[in-house]
């Protein structure tokens, strides 16, 4: 079900892929009508990779698909016109030029802030001409992991009748997320504009991210906003899961490798997601029974 994703073996390729996806995500951010909690900026799992989904453009629309099996980017208009390019071996600047020249070829004009967001690279995309590693097998393995994880996340979503996000990837932080809402407002009183928009209501969020230099391994996570008293006392499943401190709050963690090597990886992941939600929802006094969905 889940391929091995040893962080050190693909960290440089991950950084390359992250910057490529940031450019695609910024196009969706700029072109799509704004939605609550920044839902208009995210990318979505596709059978071959990650997609913007349909982006309205006047009375028409377009989609950008990053195919992580063939390692191509394809921009499609809803009239059938399309343009593609191959990604392995490109610098960030070359990817930027290829992406926007194909948009122009299709008559699509979108201007983005062409600088990485919340990323260790600060170099503007058009100026980043350094060679970039791109391990095709590692990218495909990462996609196979995302595909399997997305299926578990969809199963998790099926048990909730309240407002919740689709399974979506936030390209700035590079994590795959599902967030549930209690329905009660709880505006964040400080922080950035993006934080205040994201945390305007009570949420319990779960996700997966592939790791970074400060936490060099993939992991599943979960947290609640606002954090209820006693959150870190919630009993997590499976036994390998644990609580960690993150930015002054409690973060539930299940390492990817522990899930991958479990007897039933999907069941291990789902038990983790449910244990985070069930425990946090009770601690935060959510109307759990009203929000549970029993299929007819």
C-alpha atoms as a PDB file:
ATOM      1  CA  UNK A   1       0.000   0.000   0.000  1.00  0.00           C
ATOM      2  CA  UNK A   2       2.603   2.561   1.087  1.00  0.00           C
ATOM      3  CA  UNK A   3       6.072   2.866  -0.486  1.00  0.00           C
ATOM      4  CA  UNK A   4       9.135   3.695   1.583  1.00  0.00           C
ATOM      5  CA  UNK A   5       9.877   7.445   1.602  1.00  0.00           C
ATOM      6  CA  UNK A   6      13.264   7.834   3.338  1.00  0.00           C
ATOM      7  CA  UNK A   7      13.580  11.594   3.730  1.00  0.00           C
ATOM      8  CA  UNK A   8      17.308  11.900   3.129  1.00  0.00           C
ATOM      9  CA  UNK A   9      17.051   9.922  -0.116  1.00  0.00           C
ATOM     10  CA  UNK A  10      14.645  12.343  -1.761  1.00  0.00           C
ATOM     11  CA  UNK A  11      14.787  15.605   0.224  1.00  0.00           C
ATOM     12  CA  UNK A  12      16.353  17.587  -2.633  1.00  0.00           C
ATOM     13  CA  UNK A  13      13.845  16.210  -5.134  1.00  0.00           C
ATOM     14  CA  UNK A  14      11.070  17.043  -2.657  1.00  0.00           C
ATOM     15  CA  UNK A  15      12.306  20.648  -2.534  1.00  0.00           C
ATOM     16  CA  UNK A  16      12.264  20.814  -6.334  1.00  0.00           C
ATOM     17  CA  UNK A  17       8.743  19.388  -6.545  1.00  0.00           C
ATOM     18  CA  UNK A  18       7.561  21.727  -3.789  1.00  0.00           C
ATOM     19  CA  UNK A  19       8.703  24.818  -5.705  1.00  0.00           C
ATOM     20  CA  UNK A  20       7.159  23.544  -8.954  1.00  0.00           C
ATOM     21  CA  UNK A  21       3.829  22.980  -7.201  1.00  0.00           C
ATOM     22  CA  UNK A  22       3.988  26.402  -5.552  1.00  0.00           C
ATOM     23  CA  UNK A  23       3.963  28.019  -8.984  1.00  0.00           C
ATOM     24  CA  UNK A  24       0.928  26.001 -10.041  1.00  0.00           C
ATOM     25  CA  UNK A  25      -0.805  26.724  -6.744  1.00  0.00           C
ATOM     26  CA  UNK A  26      -0.170  30.442  -7.058  1.00  0.00           C
ATOM     27  CA  UNK A  27      -1.971  30.413 -10.410  1.00  0.00           C
ATOM     28  CA  UNK A  28      -5.041  28.897  -8.761  1.00  0.00           C
ATOM     29  CA  UNK A  29      -4.728  31.401  -5.904  1.00  0.00           C
ATOM     30  CA  UNK A  30      -4.742  34.311  -8.345  1.00  0.00           C
ATOM     31  CA  UNK A  31      -7.335  33.075 -10.842  1.00  0.00           C
ATOM     32  CA  UNK A  32      -9.955  31.278  -8.727  1.00  0.00           C
ATOM     33  CA  UNK A  33     -12.710  33.221  -6.896  1.00  0.00           C
ATOM     34  CA  UNK A  34     -11.957  33.452  -3.197  1.00  0.00           C
ATOM     35  CA  UNK A  35     -13.458  30.796  -0.918  1.00  0.00           C
ATOM     36  CA  UNK A  36     -13.651  30.595   2.855  1.00  0.00           C
ATOM     37  CA  UNK A  37     -10.582  29.431   4.790  1.00  0.00           C
ATOM     38  CA  UNK A  38      -8.383  29.641   1.661  1.00  0.00           C
ATOM     39  CA  UNK A  39     -10.054  26.658   0.018  1.00  0.00           C
ATOM     40  CA  UNK A  40      -9.567  28.366  -3.353  1.00  0.00           C
ATOM     41  CA  UNK A  41      -5.773  27.992  -3.246  1.00  0.00           C
ATOM     42  CA  UNK A  42      -5.365  24.255  -2.757  1.00  0.00           C
ATOM     43  CA  UNK A  43      -4.445  21.395  -5.082  1.00  0.00           C
ATOM     44  CA  UNK A  44      -6.321  18.108  -5.263  1.00  0.00           C
ATOM     45  CA  UNK A  45      -5.402  14.436  -5.706  1.00  0.00           C
ATOM     46  CA  UNK A  46      -5.969  13.150  -9.232  1.00  0.00           C
ATOM     47  CA  UNK A  47      -5.555   9.612 -10.534  1.00  0.00           C
ATOM     48  CA  UNK A  48      -2.167  10.604 -11.984  1.00  0.00           C
ATOM     49  CA  UNK A  49      -0.925  13.337  -9.694  1.00  0.00           C
ATOM     50  CA  UNK A  50      -2.111  16.684  -8.385  1.00  0.00           C
ATOM     51  CA  UNK A  51      -4.520  19.062 -10.078  1.00  0.00           C
ATOM     52  CA  UNK A  52      -5.836  22.565  -9.657  1.00  0.00           C
ATOM     53  CA  UNK A  53      -9.287  21.310 -10.584  1.00  0.00           C
ATOM     54  CA  UNK A  54     -11.306  23.539 -12.881  1.00  0.00           C
ATOM     55  CA  UNK A  55     -10.356  27.205 -12.557  1.00  0.00           C
ATOM     56  CA  UNK A  56     -12.948  29.670 -13.900  1.00  0.00           C
ATOM     57  CA  UNK A  57     -11.566  32.022 -16.545  1.00  0.00           C
ATOM     58  CA  UNK A  58     -14.168  34.463 -17.803  1.00  0.00           C
ATOM     59  CA  UNK A  59     -17.012  32.310 -19.089  1.00  0.00           C
ATOM     60  CA  UNK A  60     -14.574  29.479 -19.753  1.00  0.00           C
ATOM     61  CA  UNK A  61     -12.193  27.528 -17.547  1.00  0.00           C
ATOM     62  CA  UNK A  62      -8.908  25.684 -17.409  1.00  0.00           C
ATOM     63  CA  UNK A  63      -7.089  23.073 -15.351  1.00  0.00           C
ATOM     64  CA  UNK A  64      -3.428  22.403 -14.603  1.00  0.00           C
ATOM     65  CA  UNK A  65      -2.419  18.797 -13.927  1.00  0.00           C
ATOM     66  CA  UNK A  66       0.970  17.786 -12.599  1.00  0.00           C
ATOM     67  CA  UNK A  67       1.276  14.179 -13.758  1.00  0.00           C
ATOM     68  CA  UNK A  68       3.581  12.492 -11.235  1.00  0.00           C
ATOM     69  CA  UNK A  69       3.760   9.249 -13.217  1.00  0.00           C
ATOM     70  CA  UNK A  70       4.717  10.656 -16.632  1.00  0.00           C
ATOM     71  CA  UNK A  71       6.360  13.738 -15.035  1.00  0.00           C
ATOM     72  CA  UNK A  72       4.597  16.249 -17.225  1.00  0.00           C
ATOM     73  CA  UNK A  73       2.487  19.327 -16.655  1.00  0.00           C
ATOM     74  CA  UNK A  74      -0.618  19.694 -18.823  1.00  0.00           C
ATOM     75  CA  UNK A  75      -2.795  22.788 -19.034  1.00  0.00           C
ATOM     76  CA  UNK A  76      -6.235  22.034 -20.466  1.00  0.00           C
ATOM     77  CA  UNK A  77      -8.967  24.436 -21.564  1.00  0.00           C
ATOM     78  CA  UNK A  78     -12.580  23.324 -21.481  1.00  0.00           C
ATOM     79  CA  UNK A  79     -12.792  23.647 -25.283  1.00  0.00           C
ATOM     80  CA  UNK A  80     -10.305  20.794 -25.665  1.00  0.00           C
ATOM     81  CA  UNK A  81      -7.159  22.817 -26.329  1.00  0.00           C
ATOM     82  CA  UNK A  82      -4.164  21.820 -24.231  1.00  0.00           C
ATOM     83  CA  UNK A  83      -0.435  22.351 -23.851  1.00  0.00           C
ATOM     84  CA  UNK A  84       2.127  20.246 -22.008  1.00  0.00           C
ATOM     85  CA  UNK A  85       5.782  20.109 -21.026  1.00  0.00           C
ATOM     86  CA  UNK A  86       8.115  17.643 -19.332  1.00  0.00           C
ATOM     87  CA  UNK A  87       9.490  18.472 -15.867  1.00  0.00           C
ATOM     88  CA  UNK A  88      12.618  16.339 -15.156  1.00  0.00           C
ATOM     89  CA  UNK A  89      15.864  18.282 -15.480  1.00  0.00           C
ATOM     90  CA  UNK A  90      14.273  21.729 -15.380  1.00  0.00           C
ATOM     91  CA  UNK A  91      15.529  24.512 -13.165  1.00  0.00           C
ATOM     92  CA  UNK A  92      12.936  26.523 -11.262  1.00  0.00           C
ATOM     93  CA  UNK A  93      13.366  29.353 -13.770  1.00  0.00           C
ATOM     94  CA  UNK A  94      12.880  26.983 -16.717  1.00  0.00           C
ATOM     95  CA  UNK A  95       9.763  25.490 -15.136  1.00  0.00           C
ATOM     96  CA  UNK A  96       8.383  29.003 -14.585  1.00  0.00           C
ATOM     97  CA  UNK A  97       9.064  29.966 -18.203  1.00  0.00           C
ATOM     98  CA  UNK A  98       7.573  26.731 -19.554  1.00  0.00           C
ATOM     99  CA  UNK A  99       4.456  27.061 -17.395  1.00  0.00           C
ATOM    100  CA  UNK A 100       3.671  30.647 -18.295  1.00  0.00           C
ATOM    101  CA  UNK A 101       4.559  30.300 -21.974  1.00  0.00           C
ATOM    102  CA  UNK A 102       2.035  27.432 -22.211  1.00  0.00           C
ATOM    103  CA  UNK A 103      -0.599  29.551 -20.475  1.00  0.00           C
ATOM    104  CA  UNK A 104       0.083  32.346 -22.967  1.00  0.00           C
ATOM    105  CA  UNK A 105      -0.107  29.851 -25.833  1.00  0.00           C
ATOM    106  CA  UNK A 106      -3.631  28.965 -24.657  1.00  0.00           C
ATOM    107  CA  UNK A 107      -4.672  32.604 -24.300  1.00  0.00           C
ATOM    108  CA  UNK A 108      -4.672  32.536 -20.495  1.00  0.00           C
ATOM    109  CA  UNK A 109      -3.221  35.558 -18.707  1.00  0.00           C
ATOM    110  CA  UNK A 110      -2.473  35.194 -14.986  1.00  0.00           C
ATOM    111  CA  UNK A 111       0.092  37.191 -13.017  1.00  0.00           C
ATOM    112  CA  UNK A 112       1.422  35.786  -9.754  1.00  0.00           C
ATOM    113  CA  UNK A 113       3.798  36.963  -7.054  1.00  0.00           C
ATOM    114  CA  UNK A 114       6.723  35.016  -8.487  1.00  0.00           C
ATOM    115  CA  UNK A 115       8.518  34.358  -5.193  1.00  0.00           C
ATOM    116  CA  UNK A 116       8.309  31.202  -3.034  1.00  0.00           C
ATOM    117  CA  UNK A 117       5.911  31.501  -0.096  1.00  0.00           C
ATOM    118  CA  UNK A 118       6.960  30.411   3.397  1.00  0.00           C
ATOM    119  CA  UNK A 119       9.806  28.393   1.904  1.00  0.00           C
ATOM    120  CA  UNK A 120      13.517  28.079   2.653  1.00  0.00           C
ATOM    121  CA  UNK A 121      14.168  29.282  -0.902  1.00  0.00           C
ATOM    122  CA  UNK A 122      13.742  33.057  -1.181  1.00  0.00           C
ATOM    123  CA  UNK A 123      14.913  33.307  -4.785  1.00  0.00           C
ATOM    124  CA  UNK A 124      12.314  34.679  -7.257  1.00  0.00           C
ATOM    125  CA  UNK A 125      11.206  31.901  -9.578  1.00  0.00           C
ATOM    126  CA  UNK A 126      12.473  33.553 -12.805  1.00  0.00           C
ATOM    127  CA  UNK A 127      15.937  34.047 -11.258  1.00  0.00           C
ATOM    128  CA  UNK A 128      16.430  30.555  -9.814  1.00  0.00           C
ATOM    129  CA  UNK A 129      18.661  29.016 -12.466  1.00  0.00           C
ATOM    130  CA  UNK A 130      20.564  26.559 -10.253  1.00  0.00           C
ATOM    131  CA  UNK A 131      20.397  22.889 -11.302  1.00  0.00           C
ATOM    132  CA  UNK A 132      17.666  21.027  -9.418  1.00  0.00           C
ATOM    133  CA  UNK A 133      17.667  17.293  -8.617  1.00  0.00           C
ATOM    134  CA  UNK A 134      14.584  15.439  -9.852  1.00  0.00           C
ATOM    135  CA  UNK A 135      14.368  11.729  -9.055  1.00  0.00           C
ATOM    136  CA  UNK A 136      11.446  10.442 -11.114  1.00  0.00           C
ATOM    137  CA  UNK A 137      11.053   7.272  -9.055  1.00  0.00           C
ATOM    138  CA  UNK A 138      10.952   9.253  -5.804  1.00  0.00           C
ATOM    139  CA  UNK A 139       8.276  11.585  -7.187  1.00  0.00           C
ATOM    140  CA  UNK A 140       6.190   8.633  -8.357  1.00  0.00           C
ATOM    141  CA  UNK A 141       6.622   6.917  -4.984  1.00  0.00           C
ATOM    142  CA  UNK A 142       5.485  10.077  -3.234  1.00  0.00           C
ATOM    143  CA  UNK A 143       2.448  10.166  -5.499  1.00  0.00           C
ATOM    144  CA  UNK A 144       1.630   6.531  -4.761  1.00  0.00           C
ATOM    145  CA  UNK A 145       1.802   7.380  -1.062  1.00  0.00           C
ATOM    146  CA  UNK A 146      -0.480  10.409  -1.513  1.00  0.00           C
ATOM    147  CA  UNK A 147      -2.920   8.330  -3.544  1.00  0.00           C
ATOM    148  CA  UNK A 148      -3.214   5.670  -0.844  1.00  0.00           C
ATOM    149  CA  UNK A 149      -3.383   8.231   1.949  1.00  0.00           C
ATOM    150  CA  UNK A 150      -6.081  10.177   0.090  1.00  0.00           C
ATOM    151  CA  UNK A 151      -8.230   7.054  -0.020  1.00  0.00           C
ATOM    152  CA  UNK A 152      -7.960   6.653   3.763  1.00  0.00           C
ATOM    153  CA  UNK A 153      -8.723  10.350   4.241  1.00  0.00           C
ATOM    154  CA  UNK A 154     -11.867   9.981   2.107  1.00  0.00           C
ATOM    155  CA  UNK A 155     -12.996   7.110   4.335  1.00  0.00           C
ATOM    156  CA  UNK A 156     -12.398   9.354   7.345  1.00  0.00           C
ATOM    157  CA  UNK A 157     -14.505  12.110   5.740  1.00  0.00           C
ATOM    158  CA  UNK A 158     -17.428   9.741   5.220  1.00  0.00           C
ATOM    159  CA  UNK A 159     -18.276   9.604   8.917  1.00  0.00           C
ATOM    160  CA  UNK A 160     -18.983  13.327   9.332  1.00  0.00           C
ATOM    161  CA  UNK A 161     -22.098  15.261   8.361  1.00  0.00           C
ATOM    162  CA  UNK A 162     -20.869  18.739   9.281  1.00  0.00           C
ATOM    163  CA  UNK A 163     -18.803  21.199   7.290  1.00  0.00           C
ATOM    164  CA  UNK A 164     -15.417  19.800   6.296  1.00  0.00           C
ATOM    165  CA  UNK A 165     -12.823  20.360   3.627  1.00  0.00           C
ATOM    166  CA  UNK A 166     -12.235  18.082   0.685  1.00  0.00           C
ATOM    167  CA  UNK A 167      -8.974  16.149   0.737  1.00  0.00           C
ATOM    168  CA  UNK A 168      -6.626  18.895  -0.396  1.00  0.00           C
ATOM    169  CA  UNK A 169      -2.957  19.784  -0.534  1.00  0.00           C
ATOM    170  CA  UNK A 170      -1.775  23.137   0.763  1.00  0.00           C
ATOM    171  CA  UNK A 171       1.168  23.940  -1.464  1.00  0.00           C
ATOM    172  CA  UNK A 172       2.810  26.457   0.857  1.00  0.00           C
ATOM    173  CA  UNK A 173       3.288  23.947   3.694  1.00  0.00           C
ATOM    174  CA  UNK A 174       3.203  20.900   1.381  1.00  0.00           C
ATOM    175  CA  UNK A 175       0.728  18.903   3.464  1.00  0.00           C
ATOM    176  CA  UNK A 176      -2.376  16.902   2.574  1.00  0.00           C
ATOM    177  CA  UNK A 177      -5.228  17.944   4.852  1.00  0.00           C
ATOM    178  CA  UNK A 178      -8.809  17.331   5.965  1.00  0.00           C
ATOM    179  CA  UNK A 179     -10.329  19.840   8.382  1.00  0.00           C
ATOM    180  CA  UNK A 180     -13.639  19.466  10.218  1.00  0.00           C
ATOM    181  CA  UNK A 181     -15.653  22.357  11.658  1.00  0.00           C
ATOM    182  CA  UNK A 182     -17.884  22.390  14.725  1.00  0.00           C
ATOM    183  CA  UNK A 183     -20.039  25.172  13.283  1.00  0.00           C
ATOM    184  CA  UNK A 184     -19.095  27.620  16.040  1.00  0.00           C
ATOM    185  CA  UNK A 185     -17.167  30.815  15.333  1.00  0.00           C
ATOM    186  CA  UNK A 186     -13.928  31.439  17.207  1.00  0.00           C
ATOM    187  CA  UNK A 187     -12.030  34.253  15.463  1.00  0.00           C
ATOM    188  CA  UNK A 188      -8.261  34.317  15.840  1.00  0.00           C
ATOM    189  CA  UNK A 189      -7.474  37.697  17.366  1.00  0.00           C
ATOM    190  CA  UNK A 190      -3.875  37.982  16.190  1.00  0.00           C
ATOM    191  CA  UNK A 191      -1.614  36.564  13.511  1.00  0.00           C
ATOM    192  CA  UNK A 192      -1.402  37.100   9.782  1.00  0.00           C
ATOM    193  CA  UNK A 193      -4.348  37.718   7.479  1.00  0.00           C
ATOM    194  CA  UNK A 194      -4.033  34.172   6.175  1.00  0.00           C
ATOM    195  CA  UNK A 195      -4.053  32.759   9.720  1.00  0.00           C
ATOM    196  CA  UNK A 196      -7.120  34.788  10.676  1.00  0.00           C
ATOM    197  CA  UNK A 197      -8.983  33.567   7.597  1.00  0.00           C
ATOM    198  CA  UNK A 198      -7.966  29.963   8.237  1.00  0.00           C
ATOM    199  CA  UNK A 199      -8.871  30.041  11.935  1.00  0.00           C
ATOM    200  CA  UNK A 200     -12.118  31.983  12.089  1.00  0.00           C
ATOM    201  CA  UNK A 201     -14.047  28.964  13.433  1.00  0.00           C
ATOM    202  CA  UNK A 202     -13.444  25.956  15.653  1.00  0.00           C
ATOM    203  CA  UNK A 203     -11.650  23.181  13.781  1.00  0.00           C
ATOM    204  CA  UNK A 204     -10.090  19.775  14.204  1.00  0.00           C
ATOM    205  CA  UNK A 205      -7.556  19.171  11.471  1.00  0.00           C
ATOM    206  CA  UNK A 206      -5.667  16.073  10.387  1.00  0.00           C
ATOM    207  CA  UNK A 207      -3.044  15.735   7.711  1.00  0.00           C
ATOM    208  CA  UNK A 208       0.081  14.209   6.244  1.00  0.00           C
ATOM    209  CA  UNK A 209       3.311  15.949   5.367  1.00  0.00           C
ATOM    210  CA  UNK A 210       6.498  14.453   3.911  1.00  0.00           C
ATOM    211  CA  UNK A 211       8.863  16.035   6.428  1.00  0.00           C
ATOM    212  CA  UNK A 212      11.329  18.903   6.344  1.00  0.00           C
ATOM    213  CA  UNK A 213      14.803  19.669   7.643  1.00  0.00           C
ATOM    214  CA  UNK A 214      13.516  20.208  11.193  1.00  0.00           C
ATOM    215  CA  UNK A 215      11.520  16.936  11.193  1.00  0.00           C
ATOM    216  CA  UNK A 216      13.237  14.754   8.590  1.00  0.00           C
ATOM    217  CA  UNK A 217      10.601  12.081   8.059  1.00  0.00           C
ATOM    218  CA  UNK A 218       7.038  11.874   6.849  1.00  0.00           C
ATOM    219  CA  UNK A 219       4.261  11.906   9.429  1.00  0.00           C
ATOM    220  CA  UNK A 220       0.534  12.073   9.968  1.00  0.00           C
ATOM    221  CA  UNK A 221      -0.633  14.755  12.372  1.00  0.00           C
ATOM    222  CA  UNK A 222      -3.693  16.152  14.102  1.00  0.00           C
ATOM    223  CA  UNK A 223      -4.591  19.194  16.189  1.00  0.00           C
ATOM    224  CA  UNK A 224      -7.534  21.284  17.350  1.00  0.00           C
ATOM    225  CA  UNK A 225      -8.158  25.034  17.256  1.00  0.00           C
ATOM    226  CA  UNK A 226      -8.774  26.396  19.773  1.00  0.00           C
ATOM    227  CA  UNK A 227      -6.942  23.744  21.722  1.00  0.00           C
ATOM    228  CA  UNK A 228      -9.176  22.360  24.493  1.00  0.00           C
ATOM    229  CA  UNK A 229      -7.848  21.802  27.983  1.00  0.00           C
ATOM    230  CA  UNK A 230      -6.331  18.362  28.378  1.00  0.00           C
ATOM    231  CA  UNK A 231      -5.827  17.815  24.643  1.00  0.00           C
ATOM    232  CA  UNK A 232      -2.466  16.112  25.126  1.00  0.00           C
ATOM    233  CA  UNK A 233      -4.100  13.607  27.495  1.00  0.00           C
ATOM    234  CA  UNK A 234      -6.239  12.154  24.697  1.00  0.00           C
ATOM    235  CA  UNK A 235      -5.345   8.491  24.128  1.00  0.00           C
ATOM    236  CA  UNK A 236      -4.081   8.076  20.587  1.00  0.00           C
ATOM    237  CA  UNK A 237      -4.240   5.030  18.358  1.00  0.00           C
ATOM    238  CA  UNK A 238      -2.280   3.057  17.267  1.00  0.00           C
ATOM    239  CA  UNK A 239       0.237   2.545  20.059  1.00  0.00           C
ATOM    240  CA  UNK A 240       3.066   4.143  18.028  1.00  0.00           C
ATOM    241  CA  UNK A 241       1.257   7.515  17.921  1.00  0.00           C
ATOM    242  CA  UNK A 242       2.300  10.218  20.362  1.00  0.00           C
ATOM    243  CA  UNK A 243       1.812  13.843  21.358  1.00  0.00           C
ATOM    244  CA  UNK A 244       4.437  16.502  20.582  1.00  0.00           C
ATOM    245  CA  UNK A 245       4.688  20.225  21.283  1.00  0.00           C
ATOM    246  CA  UNK A 246       4.347  22.515  18.260  1.00  0.00           C
ATOM    247  CA  UNK A 247       4.254  26.320  18.494  1.00  0.00           C
ATOM    248  CA  UNK A 248       3.115  26.104  22.102  1.00  0.00           C
ATOM    249  CA  UNK A 249       0.311  23.633  21.392  1.00  0.00           C
ATOM    250  CA  UNK A 250      -0.277  19.889  21.299  1.00  0.00           C
ATOM    251  CA  UNK A 251       0.261  18.065  18.011  1.00  0.00           C
ATOM    252  CA  UNK A 252      -0.648  14.402  17.558  1.00  0.00           C
ATOM    253  CA  UNK A 253       1.929  12.487  15.508  1.00  0.00           C
ATOM    254  CA  UNK A 254       2.013   9.112  13.783  1.00  0.00           C
ATOM    255  CA  UNK A 255       5.223   8.621  11.852  1.00  0.00           C
ATOM    256  CA  UNK A 256       4.764   7.551   8.246  1.00  0.00           C
ATOM    257  CA  UNK A 257       7.190   4.664   8.624  1.00  0.00           C
ATOM    258  CA  UNK A 258       5.285   3.316  11.642  1.00  0.00           C
ATOM    259  CA  UNK A 259       2.058   3.401   9.645  1.00  0.00           C
ATOM    260  CA  UNK A 260       3.706   1.946   6.539  1.00  0.00           C
ATOM    261  CA  UNK A 261       5.099  -1.053   8.384  1.00  0.00           C
ATOM    262  CA  UNK A 262       1.918  -1.785  10.359  1.00  0.00           C
ATOM    263  CA  UNK A 263       0.129  -5.069   9.665  1.00  0.00           C
ATOM    264  CA  UNK A 264      -2.720  -3.047   8.115  1.00  0.00           C
ATOM    265  CA  UNK A 265      -1.433   0.434   7.183  1.00  0.00           C
ATOM    266  CA  UNK A 266      -4.850   1.808   6.164  1.00  0.00           C
ATOM    267  CA  UNK A 267      -6.413   0.666   9.433  1.00  0.00           C
ATOM    268  CA  UNK A 268      -3.514   2.146  11.415  1.00  0.00           C
ATOM    269  CA  UNK A 269      -3.884   5.526   9.717  1.00  0.00           C
ATOM    270  CA  UNK A 270      -7.676   5.557  10.083  1.00  0.00           C
ATOM    271  CA  UNK A 271      -7.463   4.631  13.762  1.00  0.00           C
ATOM    272  CA  UNK A 272      -5.080   7.544  14.280  1.00  0.00           C
ATOM    273  CA  UNK A 273      -7.362  10.024  12.514  1.00  0.00           C
ATOM    274  CA  UNK A 274     -10.418   8.855  14.424  1.00  0.00           C
ATOM    275  CA  UNK A 275      -8.627   8.882  17.776  1.00  0.00           C
ATOM    276  CA  UNK A 276      -7.541  12.484  17.235  1.00  0.00           C
ATOM    277  CA  UNK A 277     -11.019  13.619  16.229  1.00  0.00           C
ATOM    278  CA  UNK A 278     -12.956  11.603  18.805  1.00  0.00           C
ATOM    279  CA  UNK A 279     -10.763  12.717  21.688  1.00  0.00           C
ATOM    280  CA  UNK A 280     -10.478  16.360  20.653  1.00  0.00           C
ATOM    281  CA  UNK A 281     -14.194  16.700  19.869  1.00  0.00           C
ATOM    282  CA  UNK A 282     -15.159  15.452  23.325  1.00  0.00           C
ATOM    283  CA  UNK A 283     -12.575  17.676  25.030  1.00  0.00           C
ATOM    284  CA  UNK A 284     -13.816  20.692  23.048  1.00  0.00           C
ATOM    285  CA  UNK A 285     -17.495  19.908  23.721  1.00  0.00           C
ATOM    286  CA  UNK A 286     -18.457  19.546  20.074  1.00  0.00           C
ATOM    287  CA  UNK A 287     -21.985  18.221  19.331  1.00  0.00           C
ATOM    288  CA  UNK A 288     -20.466  14.877  18.392  1.00  0.00           C
ATOM    289  CA  UNK A 289     -23.706  12.940  17.916  1.00  0.00           C
ATOM    290  CA  UNK A 290     -25.232  15.659  15.745  1.00  0.00           C
ATOM    291  CA  UNK A 291     -22.127  15.736  13.532  1.00  0.00           C
ATOM    292  CA  UNK A 292     -21.809  11.971  13.099  1.00  0.00           C
ATOM    293  CA  UNK A 293     -23.088  10.570   9.820  1.00  0.00           C
ATOM    294  CA  UNK A 294     -24.692   7.156   9.596  1.00  0.00           C
ATOM    295  CA  UNK A 295     -25.216   6.095   6.002  1.00  0.00           C
ATOM    296  CA  UNK A 296     -28.712   4.966   5.055  1.00  0.00           C
END
